[in-house]
Amino acid sequence: MKKQTLPELTIEQIYHIYEPAGGNPTQAKKLLAEQGIRTSTLTIKRYWEKRNLEINLTVPGGDRGNYRKAALPDEKELRRLYYMYEGNVNKIALNTKYQPEPLKRELIRLGLLRTTSLEEKVE
């Protein structure tokens, strides 16, 4: 299968969109689409890497899986989120962009979630 090459103008636009997109390929894809340029996030990332540009995959509000690396909210806010999303840690993580595992650990520590380890099931 022959690899397609992009027009030189499109390649330059991929480089120029780096700053407005904050280094985030997903955001760049959206901005390029607004200009009528359709390309994948992997293509954008590949061209940016060729120029040794730093790739930012943790922009809040990015696509699914891009989580904040910030500290978790305080106990009151965690309890509010827990009840708002009916205890669904994945929904909390996706809608707030906090990482799911630290959220889960903190909710267990607060007594809002129970662990479901194999050891508990055996006993």
PDB file of N, CA and C in Angstrom:
ATOM      1  N   MET A   1       0.841  -1.177   0.000  1.00  0.00           N
ATOM      2  CA  MET A   1       0.000   0.000   0.000  1.00  0.00           C
ATOM      3  C   MET A   1       0.888   1.242   0.000  1.00  0.00           C
ATOM      4  N   LYS A   2       0.658   2.122  -0.945  1.00  0.00           N
ATOM      5  CA  LYS A   2       1.461   3.332  -1.081  1.00  0.00           C
ATOM      6  C   LYS A   2       1.016   4.387  -0.075  1.00  0.00           C
ATOM      7  N   LYS A   3       1.991   4.975   0.573  1.00  0.00           N
ATOM      8  CA  LYS A   3       1.712   6.014   1.551  1.00  0.00           C
ATOM      9  C   LYS A   3       1.382   7.319   0.830  1.00  0.00           C
ATOM     10  N   GLN A   4       0.280   7.947   1.229  1.00  0.00           N
ATOM     11  CA  GLN A   4      -0.102   9.221   0.619  1.00  0.00           C
ATOM     12  C   GLN A   4       0.730  10.351   1.211  1.00  0.00           C
ATOM     13  N   THR A   5       1.077  11.296   0.375  1.00  0.00           N
ATOM     14  CA  THR A   5       1.785  12.472   0.876  1.00  0.00           C
ATOM     15  C   THR A   5       0.845  13.662   0.833  1.00  0.00           C
ATOM     16  N   LEU A   6       1.007  14.519   1.800  1.00  0.00           N
ATOM     17  CA  LEU A   6       0.163  15.715   1.887  1.00  0.00           C
ATOM     18  C   LEU A   6       0.741  16.827   1.029  1.00  0.00           C
ATOM     19  N   PRO A   7      -0.114  17.704   0.523  1.00  0.00           N
ATOM     20  CA  PRO A   7       0.386  18.877  -0.205  1.00  0.00           C
ATOM     21  C   PRO A   7       1.243  19.748   0.725  1.00  0.00           C
ATOM     22  N   GLU A   8       2.238  20.387   0.171  1.00  0.00           N
ATOM     23  CA  GLU A   8       3.158  21.228   0.954  1.00  0.00           C
ATOM     24  C   GLU A   8       2.411  22.292   1.768  1.00  0.00           C
ATOM     25  N   LEU A   9       1.370  22.874   1.193  1.00  0.00           N
ATOM     26  CA  LEU A   9       0.588  23.895   1.886  1.00  0.00           C
ATOM     27  C   LEU A   9      -0.069  23.320   3.144  1.00  0.00           C
ATOM     28  N   THR A  10      -0.609  22.121   3.048  1.00  0.00           N
ATOM     29  CA  THR A  10      -1.239  21.471   4.199  1.00  0.00           C
ATOM     30  C   THR A  10      -0.211  21.185   5.284  1.00  0.00           C
ATOM     31  N   ILE A  11       0.958  20.737   4.895  1.00  0.00           N
ATOM     32  CA  ILE A  11       2.030  20.458   5.858  1.00  0.00           C
ATOM     33  C   ILE A  11       2.406  21.736   6.608  1.00  0.00           C
ATOM     34  N   GLU A  12       2.543  22.834   5.877  1.00  0.00           N
ATOM     35  CA  GLU A  12       2.854  24.103   6.541  1.00  0.00           C
ATOM     36  C   GLU A  12       1.746  24.521   7.500  1.00  0.00           C
ATOM     37  N   GLN A  13       0.499  24.290   7.126  1.00  0.00           N
ATOM     38  CA  GLN A  13      -0.614  24.633   8.018  1.00  0.00           C
ATOM     39  C   GLN A  13      -0.584  23.770   9.276  1.00  0.00           C
ATOM     40  N   ILE A  14      -0.163  22.521   9.152  1.00  0.00           N
ATOM     41  CA  ILE A  14      -0.028  21.649  10.326  1.00  0.00           C
ATOM     42  C   ILE A  14       1.003  22.232  11.281  1.00  0.00           C
ATOM     43  N   TYR A  15       2.109  22.743  10.741  1.00  0.00           N
ATOM     44  CA  TYR A  15       3.130  23.356  11.597  1.00  0.00           C
ATOM     45  C   TYR A  15       2.632  24.670  12.211  1.00  0.00           C
ATOM     46  N   HIS A  16       1.923  25.460  11.434  1.00  0.00           N
ATOM     47  CA  HIS A  16       1.451  26.765  11.919  1.00  0.00           C
ATOM     48  C   HIS A  16       0.338  26.640  12.958  1.00  0.00           C
ATOM     49  N   ILE A  17      -0.378  25.538  12.973  1.00  0.00           N
ATOM     50  CA  ILE A  17      -1.496  25.379  13.914  1.00  0.00           C
ATOM     51  C   ILE A  17      -1.006  24.928  15.297  1.00  0.00           C
ATOM     52  N   TYR A  18       0.284  24.592  15.394  1.00  0.00           N
ATOM     53  CA  TYR A  18       0.842  24.094  16.657  1.00  0.00           C
ATOM     54  C   TYR A  18       0.567  25.045  17.827  1.00  0.00           C
ATOM     55  N   GLU A  19       0.931  26.300  17.684  1.00  0.00           N
ATOM     56  CA  GLU A  19       0.748  27.274  18.779  1.00  0.00           C
ATOM     57  C   GLU A  19      -0.727  27.481  19.134  1.00  0.00           C
ATOM     58  N   PRO A  20      -1.602  27.777  18.157  1.00  0.00           N
ATOM     59  CA  PRO A  20      -3.013  27.978  18.504  1.00  0.00           C
ATOM     60  C   PRO A  20      -3.651  26.743  19.158  1.00  0.00           C
ATOM     61  N   ALA A  21      -3.134  25.555  18.830  1.00  0.00           N
ATOM     62  CA  ALA A  21      -3.686  24.321  19.390  1.00  0.00           C
ATOM     63  C   ALA A  21      -3.054  23.961  20.725  1.00  0.00           C
ATOM     64  N   GLY A  22      -2.099  24.747  21.176  1.00  0.00           N
ATOM     65  CA  GLY A  22      -1.445  24.466  22.454  1.00  0.00           C
ATOM     66  C   GLY A  22      -0.658  23.171  22.435  1.00  0.00           C
ATOM     67  N   GLY A  23      -0.221  22.747  21.246  1.00  0.00           N
ATOM     68  CA  GLY A  23       0.555  21.516  21.152  1.00  0.00           C
ATOM     69  C   GLY A  23      -0.275  20.250  21.230  1.00  0.00           C
ATOM     70  N   ASN A  24      -1.594  20.386  21.203  1.00  0.00           N
ATOM     71  CA  ASN A  24      -2.482  19.227  21.317  1.00  0.00           C
ATOM     72  C   ASN A  24      -2.985  18.812  19.934  1.00  0.00           C
ATOM     73  N   PRO A  25      -2.636  17.592  19.482  1.00  0.00           N
ATOM     74  CA  PRO A  25      -3.039  17.142  18.148  1.00  0.00           C
ATOM     75  C   PRO A  25      -4.560  17.096  17.946  1.00  0.00           C
ATOM     76  N   THR A  26      -5.299  16.758  18.975  1.00  0.00           N
ATOM     77  CA  THR A  26      -6.757  16.701  18.856  1.00  0.00           C
ATOM     78  C   THR A  26      -7.323  18.091  18.599  1.00  0.00           C
ATOM     79  N   GLN A  27      -6.828  19.059  19.344  1.00  0.00           N
ATOM     80  CA  GLN A  27      -7.265  20.440  19.147  1.00  0.00           C
ATOM     81  C   GLN A  27      -6.841  20.935  17.770  1.00  0.00           C
ATOM     82  N   ALA A  28      -5.636  20.556  17.342  1.00  0.00           N
ATOM     83  CA  ALA A  28      -5.151  20.951  16.018  1.00  0.00           C
ATOM     84  C   ALA A  28      -6.045  20.385  14.925  1.00  0.00           C
ATOM     85  N   LYS A  29      -6.453  19.134  15.080  1.00  0.00           N
ATOM     86  CA  LYS A  29      -7.330  18.503  14.090  1.00  0.00           C
ATOM     87  C   LYS A  29      -8.637  19.287  13.956  1.00  0.00           C
ATOM     88  N   LYS A  30      -9.193  19.714  15.099  1.00  0.00           N
ATOM     89  CA  LYS A  30     -10.436  20.499  15.079  1.00  0.00           C
ATOM     90  C   LYS A  30     -10.229  21.845  14.387  1.00  0.00           C
ATOM     91  N   LEU A  31      -9.127  22.516  14.723  1.00  0.00           N
ATOM     92  CA  LEU A  31      -8.845  23.821  14.120  1.00  0.00           C
ATOM     93  C   LEU A  31      -8.599  23.702  12.616  1.00  0.00           C
ATOM     94  N   LEU A  32      -7.889  22.661  12.209  1.00  0.00           N
ATOM     95  CA  LEU A  32      -7.646  22.444  10.787  1.00  0.00           C
ATOM     96  C   LEU A  32      -8.949  22.121  10.056  1.00  0.00           C
ATOM     97  N   ALA A  33      -9.819  21.351  10.694  1.00  0.00           N
ATOM     98  CA  ALA A  33     -11.111  21.003  10.083  1.00  0.00           C
ATOM     99  C   ALA A  33     -11.936  22.264   9.825  1.00  0.00           C
ATOM    100  N   GLU A  34     -11.833  23.235  10.731  1.00  0.00           N
ATOM    101  CA  GLU A  34     -12.542  24.504  10.550  1.00  0.00           C
ATOM    102  C   GLU A  34     -12.032  25.238   9.296  1.00  0.00           C
ATOM    103  N   GLN A  35     -10.800  24.947   8.905  1.00  0.00           N
ATOM    104  CA  GLN A  35     -10.204  25.552   7.706  1.00  0.00           C
ATOM    105  C   GLN A  35     -10.413  24.667   6.472  1.00  0.00           C
ATOM    106  N   GLY A  36     -11.146  23.562   6.653  1.00  0.00           N
ATOM    107  CA  GLY A  36     -11.422  22.658   5.539  1.00  0.00           C
ATOM    108  C   GLY A  36     -10.324  21.648   5.271  1.00  0.00           C
ATOM    109  N   ILE A  37      -9.415  21.476   6.239  1.00  0.00           N
ATOM    110  CA  ILE A  37      -8.312  20.523   6.076  1.00  0.00           C
ATOM    111  C   ILE A  37      -8.599  19.299   6.943  1.00  0.00           C
ATOM    112  N   ARG A  38      -8.697  18.157   6.291  1.00  0.00           N
ATOM    113  CA  ARG A  38      -8.981  16.922   7.014  1.00  0.00           C
ATOM    114  C   ARG A  38      -7.719  16.083   7.087  1.00  0.00           C
ATOM    115  N   THR A  39      -7.305  15.781   8.303  1.00  0.00           N
ATOM    116  CA  THR A  39      -6.147  14.922   8.538  1.00  0.00           C
ATOM    117  C   THR A  39      -6.295  14.276   9.904  1.00  0.00           C
ATOM    118  N   SER A  40      -5.546  13.243  10.163  1.00  0.00           N
ATOM    119  CA  SER A  40      -5.659  12.525  11.437  1.00  0.00           C
ATOM    120  C   SER A  40      -4.754  13.147  12.497  1.00  0.00           C
ATOM    121  N   THR A  41      -5.073  12.878  13.747  1.00  0.00           N
ATOM    122  CA  THR A  41      -4.227  13.349  14.841  1.00  0.00           C
ATOM    123  C   THR A  41      -2.856  12.678  14.773  1.00  0.00           C
ATOM    124  N   LEU A  42      -2.803  11.437  14.298  1.00  0.00           N
ATOM    125  CA  LEU A  42      -1.510  10.748  14.177  1.00  0.00           C
ATOM    126  C   LEU A  42      -0.617  11.427  13.134  1.00  0.00           C
ATOM    127  N   THR A  43      -1.210  11.884  12.051  1.00  0.00           N
ATOM    128  CA  THR A  43      -0.441  12.592  11.030  1.00  0.00           C
ATOM    129  C   THR A  43       0.095  13.905  11.592  1.00  0.00           C
ATOM    130  N   ILE A  44      -0.756  14.628  12.293  1.00  0.00           N
ATOM    131  CA  ILE A  44      -0.338  15.891  12.917  1.00  0.00           C
ATOM    132  C   ILE A  44       0.815  15.634  13.876  1.00  0.00           C
ATOM    133  N   LYS A  45       0.638  14.633  14.727  1.00  0.00           N
ATOM    134  CA  LYS A  45       1.663  14.297  15.715  1.00  0.00           C
ATOM    135  C   LYS A  45       2.973  13.928  15.018  1.00  0.00           C
ATOM    136  N   ARG A  46       2.905  13.162  13.942  1.00  0.00           N
ATOM    137  CA  ARG A  46       4.104  12.740  13.208  1.00  0.00           C
ATOM    138  C   ARG A  46       4.872  13.948  12.658  1.00  0.00           C
ATOM    139  N   TYR A  47       4.154  14.892  12.068  1.00  0.00           N
ATOM    140  CA  TYR A  47       4.828  16.079  11.526  1.00  0.00           C
ATOM    141  C   TYR A  47       5.422  16.937  12.639  1.00  0.00           C
ATOM    142  N   TRP A  48       4.701  17.085  13.736  1.00  0.00           N
ATOM    143  CA  TRP A  48       5.233  17.865  14.853  1.00  0.00           C
ATOM    144  C   TRP A  48       6.485  17.208  15.434  1.00  0.00           C
ATOM    145  N   GLU A  49       6.463  15.897  15.537  1.00  0.00           N
ATOM    146  CA  GLU A  49       7.629  15.189  16.073  1.00  0.00           C
ATOM    147  C   GLU A  49       8.850  15.357  15.169  1.00  0.00           C
ATOM    148  N   LYS A  50       8.626  15.462  13.851  1.00  0.00           N
ATOM    149  CA  LYS A  50       9.738  15.690  12.917  1.00  0.00           C
ATOM    150  C   LYS A  50      10.471  16.991  13.236  1.00  0.00           C
ATOM    151  N   ARG A  51       9.731  17.961  13.758  1.00  0.00           N
ATOM    152  CA  ARG A  51      10.335  19.256  14.110  1.00  0.00           C
ATOM    153  C   ARG A  51      10.664  19.358  15.599  1.00  0.00           C
ATOM    154  N   ASN A  52      10.593  18.221  16.276  1.00  0.00           N
ATOM    155  CA  ASN A  52      10.882  18.153  17.719  1.00  0.00           C
ATOM    156  C   ASN A  52      10.002  19.077  18.549  1.00  0.00           C
ATOM    157  N   LEU A  53       8.746  19.222  18.135  1.00  0.00           N
ATOM    158  CA  LEU A  53       7.802  20.022  18.906  1.00  0.00           C
ATOM    159  C   LEU A  53       7.218  19.155  20.020  1.00  0.00           C
ATOM    160  N   GLU A  54       7.014  19.751  21.168  1.00  0.00           N
ATOM    161  CA  GLU A  54       6.485  19.004  22.316  1.00  0.00           C
ATOM    162  C   GLU A  54       4.998  18.739  22.119  1.00  0.00           C
ATOM    163  N   ILE A  55       4.619  17.483  22.271  1.00  0.00           N
ATOM    164  CA  ILE A  55       3.228  17.074  22.101  1.00  0.00           C
ATOM    165  C   ILE A  55       2.535  17.132  23.455  1.00  0.00           C
ATOM    166  N   ASN A  56       1.407  17.834  23.516  1.00  0.00           N
ATOM    167  CA  ASN A  56       0.654  17.989  24.753  1.00  0.00           C
ATOM    168  C   ASN A  56      -0.608  17.141  24.666  1.00  0.00           C
ATOM    169  N   LEU A  57      -0.638  16.040  25.419  1.00  0.00           N
ATOM    170  CA  LEU A  57      -1.800  15.153  25.392  1.00  0.00           C
ATOM    171  C   LEU A  57      -2.684  15.323  26.623  1.00  0.00           C
ATOM    172  N   THR A  58      -2.386  16.296  27.467  1.00  0.00           N
ATOM    173  CA  THR A  58      -3.134  16.432  28.716  1.00  0.00           C
ATOM    174  C   THR A  58      -3.932  17.720  28.799  1.00  0.00           C
ATOM    175  N   VAL A  59      -4.299  18.275  27.664  1.00  0.00           N
ATOM    176  CA  VAL A  59      -5.072  19.511  27.664  1.00  0.00           C
ATOM    177  C   VAL A  59      -6.468  19.235  28.211  1.00  0.00           C
ATOM    178  N   PRO A  60      -6.908  19.936  29.280  1.00  0.00           N
ATOM    179  CA  PRO A  60      -8.266  19.731  29.781  1.00  0.00           C
ATOM    180  C   PRO A  60      -9.279  19.996  28.676  1.00  0.00           C
ATOM    181  N   GLY A  61     -10.296  19.169  28.633  1.00  0.00           N
ATOM    182  CA  GLY A  61     -11.323  19.318  27.622  1.00  0.00           C
ATOM    183  C   GLY A  61     -10.980  18.615  26.316  1.00  0.00           C
ATOM    184  N   GLY A  62      -9.847  17.914  26.322  1.00  0.00           N
ATOM    185  CA  GLY A  62      -9.503  17.155  25.129  1.00  0.00           C
ATOM    186  C   GLY A  62     -10.395  15.942  24.972  1.00  0.00           C
ATOM    187  N   ASP A  63     -10.069  15.125  24.014  1.00  0.00           N
ATOM    188  CA  ASP A  63     -10.863  13.927  23.795  1.00  0.00           C
ATOM    189  C   ASP A  63     -10.721  12.948  24.951  1.00  0.00           C
ATOM    190  N   ARG A  64     -11.582  11.970  24.927  1.00  0.00           N
ATOM    191  CA  ARG A  64     -11.620  10.937  25.959  1.00  0.00           C
ATOM    192  C   ARG A  64     -10.217  10.393  26.223  1.00  0.00           C
ATOM    193  N   GLY A  65      -9.873  10.274  27.517  1.00  0.00           N
ATOM    194  CA  GLY A  65      -8.575   9.737  27.878  1.00  0.00           C
ATOM    195  C   GLY A  65      -7.541  10.788  28.181  1.00  0.00           C
ATOM    196  N   ASN A  66      -7.821  12.002  27.888  1.00  0.00           N
ATOM    197  CA  ASN A  66      -6.906  13.077  28.223  1.00  0.00           C
ATOM    198  C   ASN A  66      -7.319  13.654  29.566  1.00  0.00           C
ATOM    199  N   TYR A  67      -6.604  13.251  30.605  1.00  0.00           N
ATOM    200  CA  TYR A  67      -6.997  13.629  31.951  1.00  0.00           C
ATOM    201  C   TYR A  67      -6.063  14.667  32.535  1.00  0.00           C
ATOM    202  N   ARG A  68      -6.581  15.419  33.482  1.00  0.00           N
ATOM    203  CA  ARG A  68      -5.771  16.393  34.212  1.00  0.00           C
ATOM    204  C   ARG A  68      -4.784  15.653  35.094  1.00  0.00           C
ATOM    205  N   LYS A  69      -3.624  16.241  35.251  1.00  0.00           N
ATOM    206  CA  LYS A  69      -2.656  15.679  36.185  1.00  0.00           C
ATOM    207  C   LYS A  69      -2.665  16.505  37.462  1.00  0.00           C
ATOM    208  N   ALA A  70      -3.689  17.332  37.611  1.00  0.00           N
ATOM    209  CA  ALA A  70      -3.798  18.209  38.775  1.00  0.00           C
ATOM    210  C   ALA A  70      -4.262  17.421  39.994  1.00  0.00           C
ATOM    211  N   ALA A  71      -4.126  18.050  41.154  1.00  0.00           N
ATOM    212  CA  ALA A  71      -4.595  17.429  42.391  1.00  0.00           C
ATOM    213  C   ALA A  71      -6.112  17.266  42.334  1.00  0.00           C
ATOM    214  N   LEU A  72      -6.590  16.260  43.034  1.00  0.00           N
ATOM    215  CA  LEU A  72      -8.029  16.005  43.082  1.00  0.00           C
ATOM    216  C   LEU A  72      -8.732  17.117  43.860  1.00  0.00           C
ATOM    217  N   PRO A  73     -10.026  17.289  43.615  1.00  0.00           N
ATOM    218  CA  PRO A  73     -10.769  18.305  44.371  1.00  0.00           C
ATOM    219  C   PRO A  73     -10.889  17.910  45.846  1.00  0.00           C
ATOM    220  N   ASP A  74     -11.327  18.848  46.669  1.00  0.00           N
ATOM    221  CA  ASP A  74     -11.468  18.565  48.098  1.00  0.00           C
ATOM    222  C   ASP A  74     -12.599  17.564  48.351  1.00  0.00           C
ATOM    223  N   GLU A  75     -12.697  17.119  49.609  1.00  0.00           N
ATOM    224  CA  GLU A  75     -13.659  16.071  49.979  1.00  0.00           C
ATOM    225  C   GLU A  75     -15.100  16.455  49.642  1.00  0.00           C
ATOM    226  N   LYS A  76     -15.471  17.686  49.922  1.00  0.00           N
ATOM    227  CA  LYS A  76     -16.841  18.137  49.659  1.00  0.00           C
ATOM    228  C   LYS A  76     -17.168  18.040  48.171  1.00  0.00           C
ATOM    229  N   GLU A  77     -16.232  18.475  47.324  1.00  0.00           N
ATOM    230  CA  GLU A  77     -16.441  18.425  45.880  1.00  0.00           C
ATOM    231  C   GLU A  77     -16.470  16.978  45.375  1.00  0.00           C
ATOM    232  N   LEU A  78     -15.614  16.131  45.943  1.00  0.00           N
ATOM    233  CA  LEU A  78     -15.624  14.716  45.549  1.00  0.00           C
ATOM    234  C   LEU A  78     -16.965  14.065  45.885  1.00  0.00           C
ATOM    235  N   ARG A  79     -17.493  14.381  47.056  1.00  0.00           N
ATOM    236  CA  ARG A  79     -18.798  13.825  47.439  1.00  0.00           C
ATOM    237  C   ARG A  79     -19.891  14.328  46.500  1.00  0.00           C
ATOM    238  N   ARG A  80     -19.835  15.593  46.139  1.00  0.00           N
ATOM    239  CA  ARG A  80     -20.822  16.158  45.213  1.00  0.00           C
ATOM    240  C   ARG A  80     -20.761  15.446  43.861  1.00  0.00           C
ATOM    241  N   LEU A  81     -19.546  15.264  43.350  1.00  0.00           N
ATOM    242  CA  LEU A  81     -19.369  14.579  42.066  1.00  0.00           C
ATOM    243  C   LEU A  81     -19.844  13.127  42.145  1.00  0.00           C
ATOM    244  N   TYR A  82     -19.535  12.481  43.259  1.00  0.00           N
ATOM    245  CA  TYR A  82     -19.937  11.080  43.440  1.00  0.00           C
ATOM    246  C   TYR A  82     -21.459  10.937  43.323  1.00  0.00           C
ATOM    247  N   TYR A  83     -22.199  11.808  44.003  1.00  0.00           N
ATOM    248  CA  TYR A  83     -23.664  11.721  43.964  1.00  0.00           C
ATOM    249  C   TYR A  83     -24.227  12.224  42.630  1.00  0.00           C
ATOM    250  N   MET A  84     -23.585  13.226  42.063  1.00  0.00           N
ATOM    251  CA  MET A  84     -24.034  13.768  40.783  1.00  0.00           C
ATOM    252  C   MET A  84     -23.960  12.719  39.676  1.00  0.00           C
ATOM    253  N   TYR A  85     -22.895  11.907  39.685  1.00  0.00           N
ATOM    254  CA  TYR A  85     -22.699  10.879  38.661  1.00  0.00           C
ATOM    255  C   TYR A  85     -23.063   9.483  39.172  1.00  0.00           C
ATOM    256  N   GLU A  86     -23.849   9.446  40.220  1.00  0.00           N
ATOM    257  CA  GLU A  86     -24.401   8.204  40.771  1.00  0.00           C
ATOM    258  C   GLU A  86     -23.329   7.157  41.047  1.00  0.00           C
ATOM    259  N   GLY A  87     -22.167   7.615  41.532  1.00  0.00           N
ATOM    260  CA  GLY A  87     -21.106   6.697  41.927  1.00  0.00           C
ATOM    261  C   GLY A  87     -20.302   6.105  40.784  1.00  0.00           C
ATOM    262  N   ASN A  88     -20.519   6.553  39.570  1.00  0.00           N
ATOM    263  CA  ASN A  88     -19.815   5.998  38.415  1.00  0.00           C
ATOM    264  C   ASN A  88     -18.485   6.741  38.230  1.00  0.00           C
ATOM    265  N   VAL A  89     -17.397   6.091  38.644  1.00  0.00           N
ATOM    266  CA  VAL A  89     -16.070   6.708  38.608  1.00  0.00           C
ATOM    267  C   VAL A  89     -15.665   7.080  37.181  1.00  0.00           C
ATOM    268  N   ASN A  90     -15.998   6.217  36.225  1.00  0.00           N
ATOM    269  CA  ASN A  90     -15.630   6.521  34.830  1.00  0.00           C
ATOM    270  C   ASN A  90     -16.339   7.771  34.324  1.00  0.00           C
ATOM    271  N   LYS A  91     -17.599   7.947  34.687  1.00  0.00           N
ATOM    272  CA  LYS A  91     -18.325   9.156  34.277  1.00  0.00           C
ATOM    273  C   LYS A  91     -17.727  10.395  34.937  1.00  0.00           C
ATOM    274  N   ILE A  92     -17.371  10.263  36.203  1.00  0.00           N
ATOM    275  CA  ILE A  92     -16.740  11.386  36.900  1.00  0.00           C
ATOM    276  C   ILE A  92     -15.445  11.755  36.177  1.00  0.00           C
ATOM    277  N   ALA A  93     -14.624  10.748  35.871  1.00  0.00           N
ATOM    278  CA  ALA A  93     -13.333  10.985  35.225  1.00  0.00           C
ATOM    279  C   ALA A  93     -13.516  11.630  33.845  1.00  0.00           C
ATOM    280  N   LEU A  94     -14.429  11.110  33.056  1.00  0.00           N
ATOM    281  CA  LEU A  94     -14.618  11.645  31.704  1.00  0.00           C
ATOM    282  C   LEU A  94     -15.177  13.057  31.702  1.00  0.00           C
ATOM    283  N   ASN A  95     -16.055  13.349  32.643  1.00  0.00           N
ATOM    284  CA  ASN A  95     -16.691  14.666  32.660  1.00  0.00           C
ATOM    285  C   ASN A  95     -15.882  15.727  33.383  1.00  0.00           C
ATOM    286  N   THR A  96     -14.974  15.317  34.241  1.00  0.00           N
ATOM    287  CA  THR A  96     -14.148  16.292  34.956  1.00  0.00           C
ATOM    288  C   THR A  96     -12.710  16.272  34.481  1.00  0.00           C
ATOM    289  N   LYS A  97     -12.325  15.215  33.775  1.00  0.00           N
ATOM    290  CA  LYS A  97     -10.975  15.013  33.260  1.00  0.00           C
ATOM    291  C   LYS A  97      -9.954  14.728  34.357  1.00  0.00           C
ATOM    292  N   TYR A  98     -10.401  14.291  35.531  1.00  0.00           N
ATOM    293  CA  TYR A  98      -9.473  13.815  36.545  1.00  0.00           C
ATOM    294  C   TYR A  98      -9.161  12.358  36.240  1.00  0.00           C
ATOM    295  N   GLN A  99      -7.978  11.904  36.588  1.00  0.00           N
ATOM    296  CA  GLN A  99      -7.589  10.534  36.308  1.00  0.00           C
ATOM    297  C   GLN A  99      -8.449   9.564  37.134  1.00  0.00           C
ATOM    298  N   PRO A 100      -8.932   8.466  36.512  1.00  0.00           N
ATOM    299  CA  PRO A 100      -9.861   7.565  37.183  1.00  0.00           C
ATOM    300  C   PRO A 100      -9.281   6.824  38.394  1.00  0.00           C
ATOM    301  N   GLU A 101      -8.046   6.357  38.304  1.00  0.00           N
ATOM    302  CA  GLU A 101      -7.499   5.563  39.419  1.00  0.00           C
ATOM    303  C   GLU A 101      -7.334   6.375  40.704  1.00  0.00           C
ATOM    304  N   PRO A 102      -6.734   7.574  40.645  1.00  0.00           N
ATOM    305  CA  PRO A 102      -6.669   8.373  41.875  1.00  0.00           C
ATOM    306  C   PRO A 102      -8.065   8.726  42.410  1.00  0.00           C
ATOM    307  N   LEU A 103      -9.005   8.975  41.500  1.00  0.00           N
ATOM    308  CA  LEU A 103     -10.387   9.247  41.922  1.00  0.00           C
ATOM    309  C   LEU A 103     -10.945   8.063  42.692  1.00  0.00           C
ATOM    310  N   LYS A 104     -10.766   6.887  42.127  1.00  0.00           N
ATOM    311  CA  LYS A 104     -11.280   5.661  42.750  1.00  0.00           C
ATOM    312  C   LYS A 104     -10.662   5.450  44.136  1.00  0.00           C
ATOM    313  N   ARG A 105      -9.334   5.605  44.222  1.00  0.00           N
ATOM    314  CA  ARG A 105      -8.662   5.426  45.525  1.00  0.00           C
ATOM    315  C   ARG A 105      -9.195   6.404  46.571  1.00  0.00           C
ATOM    316  N   GLU A 106      -9.391   7.648  46.165  1.00  0.00           N
ATOM    317  CA  GLU A 106      -9.873   8.661  47.106  1.00  0.00           C
ATOM    318  C   GLU A 106     -11.318   8.388  47.524  1.00  0.00           C
ATOM    319  N   LEU A 107     -12.147   7.947  46.594  1.00  0.00           N
ATOM    320  CA  LEU A 107     -13.540   7.630  46.921  1.00  0.00           C
ATOM    321  C   LEU A 107     -13.613   6.414  47.848  1.00  0.00           C
ATOM    322  N   ILE A 108     -12.711   5.463  47.682  1.00  0.00           N
ATOM    323  CA  ILE A 108     -12.639   4.313  48.598  1.00  0.00           C
ATOM    324  C   ILE A 108     -12.211   4.808  49.978  1.00  0.00           C
ATOM    325  N   ARG A 109     -11.190   5.674  50.020  1.00  0.00           N
ATOM    326  CA  ARG A 109     -10.711   6.211  51.301  1.00  0.00           C
ATOM    327  C   ARG A 109     -11.818   6.962  52.047  1.00  0.00           C
ATOM    328  N   LEU A 110     -12.680   7.653  51.296  1.00  0.00           N
ATOM    329  CA  LEU A 110     -13.784   8.394  51.909  1.00  0.00           C
ATOM    330  C   LEU A 110     -14.958   7.491  52.289  1.00  0.00           C
ATOM    331  N   GLY A 111     -14.871   6.226  51.917  1.00  0.00           N
ATOM    332  CA  GLY A 111     -15.936   5.288  52.247  1.00  0.00           C
ATOM    333  C   GLY A 111     -17.116   5.331  51.295  1.00  0.00           C
ATOM    334  N   LEU A 112     -16.954   5.995  50.169  1.00  0.00           N
ATOM    335  CA  LEU A 112     -18.041   6.087  49.198  1.00  0.00           C
ATOM    336  C   LEU A 112     -18.067   4.892  48.250  1.00  0.00           C
ATOM    337  N   LEU A 113     -16.901   4.331  47.978  1.00  0.00           N
ATOM    338  CA  LEU A 113     -16.805   3.138  47.137  1.00  0.00           C
ATOM    339  C   LEU A 113     -16.263   1.998  47.972  1.00  0.00           C
ATOM    340  N   ARG A 114     -16.686   0.794  47.639  1.00  0.00           N
ATOM    341  CA  ARG A 114     -16.130  -0.393  48.285  1.00  0.00           C
ATOM    342  C   ARG A 114     -15.148  -1.030  47.331  1.00  0.00           C
ATOM    343  N   THR A 115     -14.113  -1.628  47.881  1.00  0.00           N
ATOM    344  CA  THR A 115     -13.191  -2.365  47.028  1.00  0.00           C
ATOM    345  C   THR A 115     -13.848  -3.689  46.676  1.00  0.00           C
ATOM    346  N   THR A 116     -13.534  -4.199  45.531  1.00  0.00           N
ATOM    347  CA  THR A 116     -14.103  -5.480  45.105  1.00  0.00           C
ATOM    348  C   THR A 116     -12.973  -6.423  44.732  1.00  0.00           C
ATOM    349  N   SER A 117     -11.998  -6.480  45.603  1.00  0.00           N
ATOM    350  CA  SER A 117     -10.860  -7.344  45.309  1.00  0.00           C
ATOM    351  C   SER A 117     -11.259  -8.805  45.477  1.00  0.00           C
ATOM    352  N   LEU A 118     -10.500  -9.672  44.869  1.00  0.00           N
ATOM    353  CA  LEU A 118     -10.760 -11.098  44.927  1.00  0.00           C
ATOM    354  C   LEU A 118     -10.692 -11.605  46.366  1.00  0.00           C
ATOM    355  N   GLU A 119      -9.791 -11.045  47.174  1.00  0.00           N
ATOM    356  CA  GLU A 119      -9.654 -11.461  48.567  1.00  0.00           C
ATOM    357  C   GLU A 119     -10.958 -11.264  49.336  1.00  0.00           C
ATOM    358  N   GLU A 120     -11.636 -10.149  49.097  1.00  0.00           N
ATOM    359  CA  GLU A 120     -12.901  -9.887  49.781  1.00  0.00           C
ATOM    360  C   GLU A 120     -13.965 -10.887  49.372  1.00  0.00           C
ATOM    361  N   LYS A 121     -13.996 -11.270  48.094  1.00  0.00           N
ATOM    362  CA  LYS A 121     -15.008 -12.184  47.603  1.00  0.00           C
ATOM    363  C   LYS A 121     -14.832 -13.592  48.174  1.00  0.00           C
ATOM    364  N   VAL A 122     -13.572 -13.972  48.427  1.00  0.00           N
ATOM    365  CA  VAL A 122     -13.287 -15.322  48.945  1.00  0.00           C
ATOM    366  C   VAL A 122     -13.697 -15.442  50.397  1.00  0.00           C
ATOM    367  N   GLU A 123     -13.506 -14.396  51.174  1.00  0.00           N
ATOM    368  CA  GLU A 123     -13.785 -14.448  52.618  1.00  0.00           C
ATOM    369  C   GLU A 123     -15.242 -14.564  52.948  1.00  0.00           C
TER     370      GLU A 123
END
